Protein backbone atom coordinates (compact mmCIF):
# COMPACT_ATOMS: atom_id res chain seq x y z
CA UNK A 1 132.23 58.21 -155.81
CA UNK A 2 130.76 60.44 -153.15
CA UNK A 3 129.55 59.48 -149.69
CA UNK A 4 125.99 60.08 -150.91
CA UNK A 5 126.45 57.53 -153.73
CA UNK A 6 127.90 55.02 -151.28
CA UNK A 7 124.94 55.43 -148.91
CA UNK A 8 122.40 55.09 -151.72
CA UNK A 9 124.11 51.95 -153.02
CA UNK A 10 124.16 50.49 -149.51
CA UNK A 11 120.44 51.15 -149.19
CA UNK A 12 119.78 49.55 -152.59
CA UNK A 13 121.84 46.51 -151.57
CA UNK A 14 120.06 46.19 -148.24
CA UNK A 15 116.57 46.51 -149.67
CA UNK A 16 117.02 44.18 -152.62
CA UNK A 17 119.23 41.48 -151.05
CA UNK A 18 116.33 39.61 -149.47
CA UNK A 19 113.88 40.05 -152.33
CA UNK A 20 113.68 37.63 -155.25
CA UNK A 21 115.33 40.19 -157.55
CA UNK A 22 118.95 40.80 -158.44
CA UNK A 23 120.63 43.21 -156.05
CA UNK A 24 123.69 43.16 -158.33
CA UNK A 25 121.53 44.23 -161.25
CA UNK A 26 120.08 47.13 -159.33
CA UNK A 27 123.54 48.25 -158.23
CA UNK A 28 124.78 48.05 -161.82
CA UNK A 29 121.84 50.09 -163.08
CA UNK A 30 122.38 52.75 -160.42
CA UNK A 31 126.10 52.92 -161.20
CA UNK A 32 125.41 53.16 -164.93
CA UNK A 33 122.83 55.95 -164.64
CA UNK A 34 124.93 57.99 -162.21
CA UNK A 35 128.17 57.54 -164.16
CA UNK A 36 129.85 55.54 -161.39
CA UNK A 37 130.99 52.66 -163.54
CA UNK A 38 134.40 51.16 -163.97
CA UNK A 39 136.85 49.32 -161.77
CA UNK A 40 136.11 51.32 -158.61
CA UNK A 41 132.37 50.64 -158.92
CA UNK A 42 133.05 46.92 -159.38
CA UNK A 43 135.23 46.78 -156.30
CA UNK A 44 132.60 48.67 -154.31
CA UNK A 45 129.93 46.19 -155.42
CA UNK A 46 132.11 43.31 -154.27
CA UNK A 47 132.61 44.98 -150.90
CA UNK A 48 128.85 45.51 -150.54
CA UNK A 49 128.20 41.83 -151.23
CA UNK A 50 130.96 40.79 -148.84
CA UNK A 51 129.45 42.98 -146.12
CA UNK A 52 126.03 41.43 -146.69
CA UNK A 53 127.53 37.94 -146.56
CA UNK A 54 129.33 38.64 -143.29
CA UNK A 55 126.18 40.19 -141.82
CA UNK A 56 124.15 37.06 -142.60
CA UNK A 57 126.62 34.73 -140.87
């Protein structure tokens, strides 16, 4: 995964976290269409959600 992919996924997470839509679903779709699927993408999704959780506290 490149830095560009990480930034785009962070933006997707930030924009969709507070909307009544699934931010996880949008991340999964992005990862699927860009070929960034697998264990590393799953771990990155978990880290994004953890960062959002810590930010909201």
